[in-house]
Amino acid sequence: MADSIEDFQRVRADLNEEILNCGHLGMKRFFALDHQAYEPGSLGTKTKELLGLVASAVLRCDDCITYHLVRCGEEGWKREEVIDALNVALVVGGSITIPHVRRAFARMREIASLKP
């Protein structure tokens, strides 16, 4: 993987700010909708982040996988639980998701190395 977690988060935050400040109401509304989807409701934020990870793996979005892995860690998911969720993504998404699961494991290794 080319970018470190720190680089990923810095670039993501910088570009999100640029997008949100571009003046396009539709984009601003979509970002707000995305944010609200992960707020606590009938399902808690912790569960929603794991669901986001599975959906991201099935849809094969490495940026989204990285984002949700970080969030799953922040929400308290254990490595074994995340691996179990990635197994569901693999079964649903099929063999085409294998490279993304590999990269998810590499990101988990990187995230673990950042913890004090």
Protein backbone atom coordinates (compact mmCIF):
# COMPACT_ATOMS: atom_id res chain seq x y z
CA MET A 1 0.00 0.00 0.00
CA ALA A 2 1.35 3.36 -0.98
CA ASP A 3 -0.04 5.66 1.70
CA SER A 4 0.35 5.38 5.45
CA ILE A 5 -2.71 5.73 7.68
CA GLU A 6 -1.52 9.20 8.67
CA ASP A 7 -1.14 10.24 5.01
CA PHE A 8 -4.52 8.75 4.16
CA GLN A 9 -6.26 10.61 6.98
CA ARG A 10 -4.51 13.92 6.25
CA VAL A 11 -5.33 13.85 2.52
CA ARG A 12 -8.89 12.68 3.19
CA ALA A 13 -9.52 15.49 5.69
CA ASP A 14 -7.97 18.11 3.39
CA LEU A 15 -9.99 17.06 0.35
CA ASN A 16 -13.21 16.66 2.33
CA GLU A 17 -12.79 20.23 3.54
CA GLU A 18 -12.27 21.45 -0.01
CA ILE A 19 -15.36 19.57 -1.21
CA LEU A 20 -17.51 20.87 1.64
CA ASN A 21 -16.35 24.43 0.98
CA CYS A 22 -16.86 24.32 -2.81
CA GLY A 23 -20.37 25.72 -2.47
CA HIS A 24 -22.27 22.80 -4.05
CA LEU A 25 -25.40 22.14 -2.00
CA GLY A 26 -25.90 18.60 -3.33
CA MET A 27 -22.42 17.53 -2.27
CA LYS A 28 -22.82 19.13 1.13
CA ARG A 29 -26.15 17.34 1.63
CA PHE A 30 -24.70 13.98 0.59
CA PHE A 31 -21.79 14.33 3.04
CA ALA A 32 -24.29 15.21 5.79
CA LEU A 33 -26.42 12.18 4.91
CA ASP A 34 -23.37 9.93 5.01
CA HIS A 35 -22.38 11.31 8.41
CA GLN A 36 -25.89 10.92 9.81
CA ALA A 37 -26.11 7.29 8.66
CA TYR A 38 -23.44 6.35 11.23
CA GLU A 39 -25.01 8.22 14.14
CA PRO A 40 -26.57 6.06 16.88
CA GLY A 41 -30.09 4.86 16.12
CA SER A 42 -31.76 1.47 16.37
CA LEU A 43 -28.25 0.21 15.65
CA GLY A 44 -25.33 1.78 17.45
CA THR A 45 -22.42 3.49 15.74
CA LYS A 46 -20.16 0.55 16.59
CA THR A 47 -22.35 -1.88 14.63
CA LYS A 48 -22.84 0.57 11.77
CA GLU A 49 -19.08 0.94 11.30
CA LEU A 50 -18.71 -2.84 10.99
CA LEU A 51 -21.54 -2.86 8.44
CA GLY A 52 -19.77 -0.07 6.55
CA LEU A 53 -16.60 -2.16 6.49
CA VAL A 54 -18.40 -5.18 5.05
CA ALA A 55 -20.16 -3.08 2.41
CA SER A 56 -16.87 -1.38 1.49
CA ALA A 57 -15.12 -4.72 1.03
CA VAL A 58 -17.95 -6.11 -1.10
CA LEU A 59 -17.92 -2.92 -3.20
CA ARG A 60 -14.10 -3.15 -3.38
CA CYS A 61 -13.30 0.37 -2.17
CA ASP A 62 -9.88 0.35 -0.50
CA ASP A 63 -10.22 3.94 0.74
CA CYS A 64 -13.54 3.07 2.38
CA ILE A 65 -12.08 -0.13 3.86
CA THR A 66 -9.25 1.88 5.40
CA TYR A 67 -11.64 4.48 6.79
CA HIS A 68 -13.95 1.87 8.33
CA LEU A 69 -11.06 -0.18 9.75
CA VAL A 70 -9.84 2.91 11.57
CA ARG A 71 -13.37 3.67 12.78
CA CYS A 72 -13.93 0.04 13.86
CA GLY A 73 -10.77 0.29 15.94
CA GLU A 74 -11.96 3.57 17.46
CA GLU A 75 -15.34 2.01 18.26
CA GLY A 76 -13.73 -0.93 20.05
CA TRP A 77 -14.07 -3.86 17.66
CA LYS A 78 -11.50 -6.57 18.32
CA ARG A 79 -9.32 -7.94 15.51
CA GLU A 80 -11.07 -11.33 15.62
CA GLU A 81 -14.47 -9.65 15.22
CA VAL A 82 -13.27 -7.60 12.25
CA ILE A 83 -11.80 -10.72 10.65
CA ASP A 84 -15.14 -12.50 11.09
CA ALA A 85 -16.89 -9.56 9.38
CA LEU A 86 -14.35 -9.63 6.55
CA ASN A 87 -15.17 -13.32 6.12
CA VAL A 88 -18.81 -12.35 5.55
CA ALA A 89 -17.66 -9.79 2.98
CA LEU A 90 -15.56 -12.45 1.26
CA VAL A 91 -18.47 -14.89 1.09
CA VAL A 92 -20.87 -12.22 -0.19
CA GLY A 93 -18.38 -10.57 -2.56
CA GLY A 94 -16.64 -13.68 -3.84
CA SER A 95 -13.06 -14.25 -4.86
CA ILE A 96 -12.79 -10.82 -6.49
CA THR A 97 -12.71 -9.35 -2.96
CA ILE A 98 -9.60 -11.36 -1.97
CA PRO A 99 -7.12 -8.57 -2.92
CA HIS A 100 -9.16 -6.12 -0.84
CA VAL A 101 -9.23 -8.48 2.13
CA ARG A 102 -5.42 -8.77 1.80
CA ARG A 103 -5.10 -5.00 1.88
CA ALA A 104 -7.48 -4.88 4.85
CA PHE A 105 -5.18 -7.25 6.72
CA ALA A 106 -2.19 -5.05 5.83
CA ARG A 107 -4.06 -2.00 7.13
CA MET A 108 -4.98 -3.83 10.34
CA ARG A 109 -1.30 -4.64 10.82
CA GLU A 110 -0.44 -0.96 10.30
CA ILE A 111 -3.18 0.23 12.66
CA ALA A 112 -1.99 -2.21 15.36
CA SER A 113 1.57 -0.90 15.03
CA LEU A 114 0.35 2.67 15.72
CA LYS A 115 -1.24 1.80 19.06
CA PRO A 116 0.80 2.77 22.14
